[in-house]
């Protein structure tokens, strides 16, 4: 089940990456203006794609698919590609 969800999420993320990142940036800025912590712009778009993909699989009393190490790695893949903010 987790592999199917990841495949759907990856396809959705690839097709809608710009839209997801723009929406997260907009919400993040609004949160910051409202004196709340901003969203993580690296994992939040992937989390939205995962949420979209898992809608059809989640049932009452079902274990959360996000508890999987594989899914955690997928959510955080942007961190691996991220370059350091400060160069020495």
Protein backbone atom coordinates (compact mmCIF):
# COMPACT_ATOMS: atom_id res chain seq x y z
CA UNK A 1 0.00 0.00 0.00
CA UNK A 2 2.79 2.45 0.89
CA UNK A 3 4.55 1.87 -2.44
CA UNK A 4 1.35 2.56 -4.38
CA UNK A 5 0.74 5.74 -2.41
CA UNK A 6 4.33 6.86 -3.02
CA UNK A 7 4.04 6.21 -6.75
CA UNK A 8 0.84 8.26 -6.95
CA UNK A 9 2.33 11.01 -4.77
CA UNK A 10 5.52 11.18 -6.86
CA UNK A 11 3.53 11.49 -10.08
CA UNK A 12 1.23 14.13 -8.57
CA UNK A 13 4.20 16.05 -7.13
CA UNK A 14 6.03 16.00 -10.47
CA UNK A 15 2.96 17.25 -12.34
CA UNK A 16 2.01 19.93 -9.77
CA UNK A 17 5.32 20.90 -8.14
CA UNK A 18 5.25 24.58 -9.10
CA UNK A 19 1.64 24.99 -7.97
CA UNK A 20 2.27 23.17 -4.67
CA UNK A 21 5.40 25.21 -3.91
CA UNK A 22 3.61 28.49 -4.74
CA UNK A 23 0.67 27.61 -2.49
CA UNK A 24 2.98 26.64 0.38
CA UNK A 25 5.01 29.85 -0.03
CA UNK A 26 1.83 31.92 0.03
CA UNK A 27 0.49 30.23 3.16
CA UNK A 28 3.91 30.42 4.77
CA UNK A 29 4.11 34.18 4.21
CA UNK A 30 0.60 34.65 5.59
CA UNK A 31 1.51 32.62 8.67
CA UNK A 32 4.65 34.70 9.19
CA UNK A 33 2.66 37.94 8.92
CA UNK A 34 0.24 36.50 11.48
CA UNK A 35 3.19 35.94 13.85
CA UNK A 36 3.13 32.16 13.44
CA UNK A 37 5.99 29.95 12.37
CA UNK A 38 6.28 29.59 8.58
CA UNK A 39 5.83 26.22 6.89
CA UNK A 40 8.79 24.12 5.81
CA UNK A 41 9.04 24.93 2.11
CA UNK A 42 10.97 21.72 1.40
CA UNK A 43 8.76 19.05 2.96
CA UNK A 44 5.34 20.74 2.94
CA UNK A 45 4.72 20.51 -0.86
CA UNK A 46 5.59 16.81 -0.75
CA UNK A 47 3.35 16.33 2.27
CA UNK A 48 0.45 17.84 0.29
CA UNK A 49 1.15 15.47 -2.60
CA UNK A 50 1.27 12.53 -0.18
CA UNK A 51 -1.99 13.65 1.40
CA UNK A 52 -3.62 13.81 -2.05
CA UNK A 53 -2.31 10.35 -2.95
CA UNK A 54 -3.37 8.71 0.30
CA UNK A 55 -6.96 9.99 0.35
CA UNK A 56 -8.34 6.87 -1.34
CA UNK A 57 -6.36 4.50 0.88
CA UNK A 58 -7.07 5.86 4.34
CA UNK A 59 -9.87 4.20 6.28
CA UNK A 60 -11.08 4.53 9.83
CA UNK A 61 -8.72 2.74 12.24
CA UNK A 62 -6.08 2.27 9.51
CA UNK A 63 -2.46 2.90 10.36
CA UNK A 64 -1.06 6.13 8.99
CA UNK A 65 1.04 5.58 5.85
CA UNK A 66 3.35 8.39 7.00
CA UNK A 67 4.76 6.18 9.74
CA UNK A 68 6.85 4.37 7.13
CA UNK A 69 10.59 5.09 6.90
CA UNK A 70 10.33 4.94 3.10
CA UNK A 71 7.70 7.67 3.10
CA UNK A 72 9.73 9.76 5.54
CA UNK A 73 12.69 9.53 3.16
CA UNK A 74 10.48 10.54 0.24
CA UNK A 75 9.17 13.54 2.18
CA UNK A 76 12.69 14.73 2.97
CA UNK A 77 14.34 14.18 -0.43
CA UNK A 78 14.42 17.93 -1.06
CA UNK A 79 16.82 18.29 1.88
CA UNK A 80 19.33 16.01 0.19
CA UNK A 81 19.25 18.14 -2.98
CA UNK A 82 19.43 21.45 -1.10
CA UNK A 83 22.70 23.35 -1.29
CA UNK A 84 24.11 25.11 1.77
CA UNK A 85 22.70 28.59 2.30
CA UNK A 86 26.10 29.97 3.26
CA UNK A 87 29.30 29.31 1.38
CA UNK A 88 32.65 29.77 3.05
